[in-house]
Amino acid sequence: MKKHLSAALGGLVATATFFGGMVGHDPAAQAADVACDNYSSSNSDCVNTQIVIAGTSHSADWYLPRTTASALMVLNHGFSRGCGNLRGTSKAIAEQGVMVLCVNGDMTAGNPGLADALGDLMTQRALVPPNGTPLPQRYIVGGHSAGGHFASELGARLVANGYPDLAGAILFDPVASGDFSANLAAIADGTARPVLAVTARPSVTNLFNNSHGALVGLDSDYVGVQLVWSKYTWGVPSGGSCHIDVEGEDSDVIGVLGAGCSASTTQTARLRDFAATWARDLATGGRTAAYYCADAEVISTCGSQVRALVDRSLPLAAPIR
């Protein structure tokens, strides 16, 4: 029995090491860059342009609210993914009046060099949105998976540069690398700026929630929700959240194979609801009480949208604590 268990654990460690290597090595395959300008709604439009960052031209998607944007949120894709994989989530945020920018690039280990260079452009107010749209003063950083680490690097760079209007961070199942904890602490500045996250159940692809320690180590009493499982079979949890829920219908074969699961329509909708509301709140300085807890350790202090997920017989979700 011990021999079989040891072999199983060895296989799991080997698999985790393989996927963990995805965080630190050049991607073997990159998701197709599907330009975002395939929609227009009554509230927002999307335009694909080229942005030169540190001398290199990058394809970038801009989601532009039709009213004056309350903030710019940089929302970046994960390792071996592309901005096209975040179309639905980016649109949901833009529909709330927040301009969204996604830069296609190599997200290996969160690409600190690209994050720093972009942060310098943002600090200098040198980014130029398309169609003559003014650049908002207020910034939000965000990202998925390795893009979550990119967001932490970008936010920390803005802080180091002394940019005065960083509103906070919103992360989607981030995979931590390097200085992730220190970056989040710099962004949060105690409790001055919110750092919020939606995470998935532990898996090889998110390195078993390796960002969890940094999130719960912040001074804030609430940093978001973890979407967990949908059922138990003979005491074993399964179903529910997936690492690529933020991608939803915009995912692809690479995403599904890499994550080992398909995005859940239900969980994607939940994630986008929280993300869009949080982004609007950070942009405007508001706080929609239904989407927060006063203390993540005490469910009774949580708002109605949080309790709708956590007050159930199954562990469909839990506040991050």
Protein backbone atom coordinates (compact mmCIF):
# COMPACT_ATOMS: atom_id res chain seq x y z
CA MET A 1 0.00 0.00 0.00
CA LYS A 2 2.77 2.43 0.94
CA LYS A 3 4.60 1.56 -2.27
CA HIS A 4 1.52 2.38 -4.39
CA LEU A 5 0.91 5.60 -2.43
CA SER A 6 4.52 6.64 -2.87
CA ALA A 7 4.30 6.02 -6.61
CA ALA A 8 1.09 8.04 -6.84
CA LEU A 9 2.58 10.93 -4.91
CA GLY A 10 5.68 10.78 -7.06
CA GLY A 11 3.57 11.02 -10.18
CA LEU A 12 1.65 13.98 -8.75
CA VAL A 13 4.84 15.79 -7.85
CA ALA A 14 6.25 15.14 -11.33
CA THR A 15 3.09 16.47 -12.92
CA ALA A 16 3.13 19.55 -10.70
CA THR A 17 6.76 20.12 -11.56
CA PHE A 18 5.92 19.91 -15.27
CA PHE A 19 3.11 22.44 -15.03
CA GLY A 20 5.09 24.54 -12.58
CA GLY A 21 7.78 24.72 -15.23
CA MET A 22 5.21 26.40 -17.44
CA VAL A 23 5.50 29.40 -15.13
CA GLY A 24 9.23 29.72 -15.66
CA HIS A 25 10.05 28.66 -19.20
CA ASP A 26 9.31 29.91 -22.68
CA PRO A 27 5.85 28.80 -23.84
CA ALA A 28 5.81 26.01 -26.38
CA ALA A 29 2.47 27.15 -27.72
CA GLN A 30 0.69 30.47 -27.56
CA ALA A 31 -3.07 30.83 -27.80
CA ALA A 32 -4.19 32.43 -31.03
CA ASP A 33 -4.35 36.21 -30.87
CA VAL A 34 -8.02 36.71 -31.66
CA ALA A 35 -8.54 40.45 -31.96
CA CYS A 36 -11.28 41.81 -29.73
CA ASP A 37 -12.90 44.13 -32.27
CA ASN A 38 -15.66 41.69 -33.07
CA TYR A 39 -18.34 43.32 -30.95
CA SER A 40 -19.99 46.60 -30.24
CA SER A 41 -22.69 47.14 -27.66
CA SER A 42 -24.73 50.09 -26.53
CA ASN A 43 -22.27 50.59 -23.66
CA SER A 44 -18.81 49.73 -25.00
CA ASP A 45 -16.66 48.96 -28.03
CA CYS A 46 -13.43 47.05 -28.51
CA VAL A 47 -10.49 48.04 -30.70
CA ASN A 48 -7.27 46.13 -31.38
CA THR A 49 -4.12 48.25 -31.83
CA GLN A 50 -0.34 47.99 -31.58
CA ILE A 51 1.47 49.38 -28.52
CA VAL A 52 5.24 49.84 -28.45
CA ILE A 53 6.64 48.89 -25.04
CA ALA A 54 10.42 49.06 -24.48
CA GLY A 55 10.98 49.09 -28.23
CA THR A 56 8.79 46.06 -28.99
CA SER A 57 5.38 46.28 -30.65
CA HIS A 58 2.61 44.32 -28.95
CA SER A 59 -0.90 43.58 -30.15
CA ALA A 60 -3.28 45.07 -27.59
CA ASP A 61 -7.03 45.01 -27.04
CA TRP A 62 -8.77 48.12 -25.72
CA TYR A 63 -12.31 47.88 -24.32
CA LEU A 64 -13.72 51.38 -24.41
CA PRO A 65 -16.87 52.45 -22.51
CA ARG A 66 -19.08 54.78 -24.52
CA THR A 67 -19.25 57.13 -21.55
CA THR A 68 -16.22 58.76 -19.91
CA ALA A 69 -14.27 55.88 -18.37
CA SER A 70 -13.94 55.98 -14.59
CA ALA A 71 -10.59 54.10 -14.62
CA LEU A 72 -8.21 52.06 -16.76
CA MET A 73 -7.88 48.41 -15.79
CA VAL A 74 -4.95 46.48 -17.26
CA LEU A 75 -6.22 42.90 -17.37
CA ASN A 76 -3.62 40.46 -18.67
CA HIS A 77 -3.85 36.89 -19.87
CA GLY A 78 -2.03 33.88 -18.47
CA PHE A 79 0.88 31.77 -19.65
CA SER A 80 0.44 30.38 -23.19
CA ARG A 81 -2.80 32.34 -23.48
CA GLY A 82 -3.77 35.51 -25.33
CA CYS A 83 -6.00 38.54 -24.85
CA GLY A 84 -8.58 36.85 -27.04
CA ASN A 85 -9.12 34.38 -24.20
CA LEU A 86 -10.37 37.21 -21.94
CA ARG A 87 -12.87 38.84 -24.30
CA GLY A 88 -16.00 38.05 -22.29
CA THR A 89 -14.56 39.06 -18.93
CA SER A 90 -13.01 42.24 -20.35
CA LYS A 91 -16.33 43.18 -21.92
CA ALA A 92 -18.20 42.58 -18.64
CA ILE A 93 -15.87 45.02 -16.89
CA ALA A 94 -16.05 47.61 -19.68
CA GLU A 95 -19.84 47.50 -19.51
CA GLN A 96 -19.48 48.95 -16.00
CA GLY A 97 -17.70 52.05 -17.32
CA VAL A 98 -14.12 50.87 -16.77
CA MET A 99 -11.69 50.99 -19.71
CA VAL A 100 -9.83 47.69 -20.10
CA LEU A 101 -6.43 47.12 -21.72
CA CYS A 102 -4.90 43.70 -22.41
CA VAL A 103 -1.40 43.41 -23.89
CA ASN A 104 -0.49 40.23 -25.74
CA GLY A 105 2.89 39.02 -24.58
CA ASP A 106 4.94 36.21 -23.10
CA MET A 107 3.71 35.80 -19.54
CA THR A 108 6.51 33.49 -18.44
CA ALA A 109 6.97 34.06 -14.68
CA GLY A 110 4.73 37.12 -15.02
CA ASN A 111 7.28 38.83 -17.32
CA PRO A 112 8.52 41.46 -14.82
CA GLY A 113 10.46 43.30 -17.51
CA LEU A 114 7.36 43.92 -19.61
CA ALA A 115 5.38 44.85 -16.50
CA ASP A 116 7.99 47.39 -15.41
CA ALA A 117 8.19 48.94 -18.88
CA LEU A 118 4.41 49.20 -19.14
CA GLY A 119 4.26 50.63 -15.61
CA ASP A 120 6.72 53.34 -16.63
CA LEU A 121 4.57 54.26 -19.66
CA MET A 122 1.51 54.43 -17.44
CA THR A 123 3.30 56.54 -14.84
CA GLN A 124 4.39 58.95 -17.56
CA ARG A 125 0.82 59.04 -18.89
CA ALA A 126 2.31 58.03 -22.26
CA LEU A 127 -0.32 55.42 -23.16
CA VAL A 128 -2.64 56.61 -25.91
CA PRO A 129 -6.03 54.89 -26.14
CA PRO A 130 -7.49 54.61 -29.66
CA ASN A 131 -10.11 56.84 -31.26
CA GLY A 132 -9.05 59.94 -29.33
CA THR A 133 -10.36 58.46 -26.07
CA PRO A 134 -8.81 60.19 -23.03
CA LEU A 135 -6.66 58.08 -20.71
CA PRO A 136 -8.31 57.79 -17.27
CA GLN A 137 -6.32 59.04 -14.29
CA ARG A 138 -7.22 56.11 -12.04
CA TYR A 139 -5.60 52.70 -12.65
CA ILE A 140 -6.48 49.14 -11.64
CA VAL A 141 -4.15 46.18 -12.23
CA GLY A 142 -5.45 42.69 -12.91
CA GLY A 143 -4.57 39.37 -14.48
CA HIS A 144 -5.22 35.65 -14.78
CA SER A 145 -2.81 32.88 -13.75
CA ALA A 146 0.75 34.01 -14.61
CA GLY A 147 -0.91 37.26 -15.72
CA GLY A 148 -1.85 37.67 -12.06
CA HIS A 149 1.83 37.81 -11.21
CA PHE A 150 2.29 40.27 -14.10
CA ALA A 151 -0.40 42.42 -12.46
CA SER A 152 1.44 42.29 -9.14
CA GLU A 153 4.66 43.43 -10.83
CA LEU A 154 2.83 46.20 -12.70
CA GLY A 155 1.12 47.46 -9.55
CA ALA A 156 4.34 47.39 -7.55
CA ARG A 157 6.09 49.35 -10.29
CA LEU A 158 3.40 52.03 -10.24
CA VAL A 159 3.80 52.26 -6.46
CA ALA A 160 7.60 52.45 -6.73
CA ASN A 161 7.24 55.21 -9.33
CA GLY A 162 5.02 57.17 -6.95
CA TYR A 163 1.95 57.12 -9.19
CA PRO A 164 -0.79 58.63 -6.98
CA ASP A 165 -3.93 57.12 -8.51
CA LEU A 166 -3.53 53.36 -8.29
CA ALA A 167 -6.89 52.07 -7.04
CA GLY A 168 -5.99 48.43 -6.34
CA ALA A 169 -5.80 44.98 -7.91
CA ILE A 170 -8.22 42.27 -9.08
CA LEU A 171 -6.71 38.83 -9.67
CA PHE A 172 -8.10 35.65 -11.21
CA ASP A 173 -6.63 32.39 -9.88
CA PRO A 174 -3.15 33.94 -9.89
CA VAL A 175 -0.03 31.79 -10.03
CA ALA A 176 2.68 33.37 -7.93
CA SER A 177 6.33 33.73 -8.84
CA GLY A 178 9.26 35.67 -7.45
CA ASP A 179 8.24 38.69 -5.41
CA PHE A 180 4.49 38.11 -5.49
CA SER A 181 3.96 38.58 -1.73
CA ALA A 182 6.07 41.73 -1.60
CA ASN A 183 4.33 43.09 -4.70
CA LEU A 184 0.86 42.59 -3.22
CA ALA A 185 1.94 44.17 0.05
CA ALA A 186 3.22 47.21 -1.86
CA ILE A 187 -0.03 47.51 -3.80
CA ALA A 188 -2.19 47.11 -0.70
CA ASP A 189 -0.12 49.51 1.45
CA GLY A 190 -1.69 48.08 4.58
CA THR A 191 -5.38 48.51 3.88
CA ALA A 192 -5.10 51.67 1.77
CA ARG A 193 -5.83 49.86 -1.51
CA PRO A 194 -7.98 46.74 -2.01
CA VAL A 195 -6.40 43.60 -3.44
CA LEU A 196 -9.23 41.28 -4.48
CA ALA A 197 -9.21 37.81 -6.01
CA VAL A 198 -11.38 35.01 -7.33
CA THR A 199 -9.53 31.72 -7.10
CA ALA A 200 -10.37 28.19 -8.23
CA ARG A 201 -10.07 24.87 -6.43
CA PRO A 202 -6.51 23.63 -5.87
CA SER A 203 -5.06 21.95 -8.96
CA VAL A 204 -1.78 21.21 -10.66
CA THR A 205 -2.33 24.13 -13.03
CA ASN A 206 -2.57 26.78 -10.31
CA LEU A 207 0.25 25.05 -8.42
CA PHE A 208 -2.24 24.10 -5.72
CA ASN A 209 -3.24 27.71 -5.02
CA ASN A 210 0.35 28.81 -4.50
CA SER A 211 -0.84 32.42 -4.32
CA HIS A 212 -3.03 31.73 -1.29
CA GLY A 213 -0.42 32.55 1.34
CA ALA A 214 0.26 35.98 -0.14
CA LEU A 215 -3.45 36.76 -0.36
CA VAL A 216 -4.32 35.77 3.20
CA GLY A 217 -1.13 37.43 4.44
CA LEU A 218 -2.46 40.88 3.55
CA ASP A 219 -3.81 43.11 6.31
CA SER A 220 -7.29 43.24 4.76
CA ASP A 221 -10.10 41.27 6.42
CA TYR A 222 -11.47 40.31 2.99
CA VAL A 223 -9.61 39.57 -0.24
CA GLY A 224 -12.29 37.75 -2.23
CA VAL A 225 -13.76 34.31 -2.81
CA GLN A 226 -12.55 30.86 -3.76
CA LEU A 227 -14.90 28.94 -6.03
CA VAL A 228 -14.53 25.33 -5.01
CA TRP A 229 -16.46 22.15 -5.84
CA SER A 230 -20.00 21.30 -6.89
CA LYS A 231 -20.44 17.75 -5.58
CA TYR A 232 -19.04 14.88 -3.57
CA THR A 233 -18.82 11.32 -4.84
CA TRP A 234 -18.05 8.83 -2.07
CA GLY A 235 -16.54 11.65 -0.07
CA VAL A 236 -14.35 12.91 -2.91
CA PRO A 237 -15.03 16.48 -4.13
CA SER A 238 -15.28 17.13 -7.85
CA GLY A 239 -16.72 19.48 -10.45
CA GLY A 240 -17.24 23.16 -9.82
CA SER A 241 -14.52 25.65 -10.56
CA CYS A 242 -11.74 25.41 -13.13
CA HIS A 243 -8.53 27.41 -13.56
CA ILE A 244 -9.86 28.82 -16.86
CA ASP A 245 -13.28 29.96 -15.60
CA VAL A 246 -12.23 33.56 -16.27
CA GLU A 247 -11.88 32.63 -19.95
CA GLY A 248 -15.28 30.95 -20.18
CA GLU A 249 -16.53 30.62 -23.74
CA ASP A 250 -13.32 32.26 -24.99
CA SER A 251 -11.11 29.36 -23.94
CA ASP A 252 -9.70 26.81 -26.37
CA VAL A 253 -8.15 23.35 -26.59
CA ILE A 254 -4.84 24.56 -25.16
CA GLY A 255 -6.63 26.03 -22.17
CA VAL A 256 -8.75 22.95 -21.51
CA LEU A 257 -5.84 20.53 -21.86
CA GLY A 258 -3.59 22.68 -19.71
CA ALA A 259 -6.17 23.13 -16.96
CA GLY A 260 -7.43 19.56 -17.11
CA CYS A 261 -11.02 20.85 -17.00
CA SER A 262 -13.46 22.99 -18.94
CA ALA A 263 -14.75 26.36 -17.81
CA SER A 264 -18.04 26.15 -15.94
CA THR A 265 -20.74 28.42 -17.36
CA THR A 266 -22.10 28.96 -13.84
CA GLN A 267 -18.73 29.74 -12.29
CA THR A 268 -17.74 32.01 -15.19
CA ALA A 269 -20.92 34.03 -14.69
CA ARG A 270 -20.24 34.30 -10.94
CA LEU A 271 -16.65 35.33 -11.51
CA ARG A 272 -17.58 38.02 -14.05
CA ASP A 273 -20.28 39.39 -11.77
CA PHE A 274 -17.82 39.83 -8.90
CA ALA A 275 -15.06 41.14 -11.18
CA ALA A 276 -17.22 43.75 -12.89
CA THR A 277 -18.69 44.98 -9.61
CA TRP A 278 -15.32 45.14 -7.88
CA ALA A 279 -13.80 46.99 -10.85
CA ARG A 280 -16.60 49.57 -10.80
CA ASP A 281 -16.15 50.01 -7.05
CA LEU A 282 -12.38 50.46 -7.30
CA ALA A 283 -12.84 52.90 -10.17
CA THR A 284 -15.39 55.05 -8.37
CA GLY A 285 -14.30 54.60 -4.76
CA GLY A 286 -17.58 52.85 -3.94
CA ARG A 287 -18.32 49.63 -2.11
CA THR A 288 -21.25 47.47 -3.18
CA ALA A 289 -21.79 45.76 0.16
CA ALA A 290 -23.31 42.57 -1.31
CA TYR A 291 -19.91 41.59 -2.77
CA TYR A 292 -17.75 41.94 0.34
CA CYS A 293 -17.33 40.67 3.89
CA ALA A 294 -16.47 42.87 6.83
CA ASP A 295 -14.54 39.87 8.16
CA ALA A 296 -13.97 36.81 5.98
CA GLU A 297 -13.75 34.66 9.13
CA VAL A 298 -17.37 35.49 10.05
CA ILE A 299 -19.89 34.57 7.35
CA SER A 300 -22.61 36.66 8.99
CA THR A 301 -20.61 39.78 8.11
CA CYS A 302 -20.66 38.94 4.41
CA GLY A 303 -22.92 40.59 1.87
CA SER A 304 -25.76 38.81 0.11
CA GLN A 305 -23.84 37.88 -3.07
CA VAL A 306 -21.04 36.30 -1.03
CA ARG A 307 -23.47 34.46 1.24
CA ALA A 308 -25.36 33.17 -1.80
CA LEU A 309 -22.22 31.21 -2.62
CA VAL A 310 -20.96 30.17 0.80
CA ASP A 311 -24.16 29.48 2.77
CA ARG A 312 -24.79 26.09 1.14
CA SER A 313 -24.47 22.46 2.14
CA LEU A 314 -21.71 21.87 -0.40
CA PRO A 315 -18.46 23.84 -0.41
CA LEU A 316 -19.35 25.69 -3.60
CA ALA A 317 -17.30 28.65 -2.46
CA ALA A 318 -15.62 30.17 0.55
CA PRO A 319 -14.24 33.58 1.46
CA ILE A 320 -10.46 33.62 1.11
CA ARG A 321 -9.12 33.55 4.66
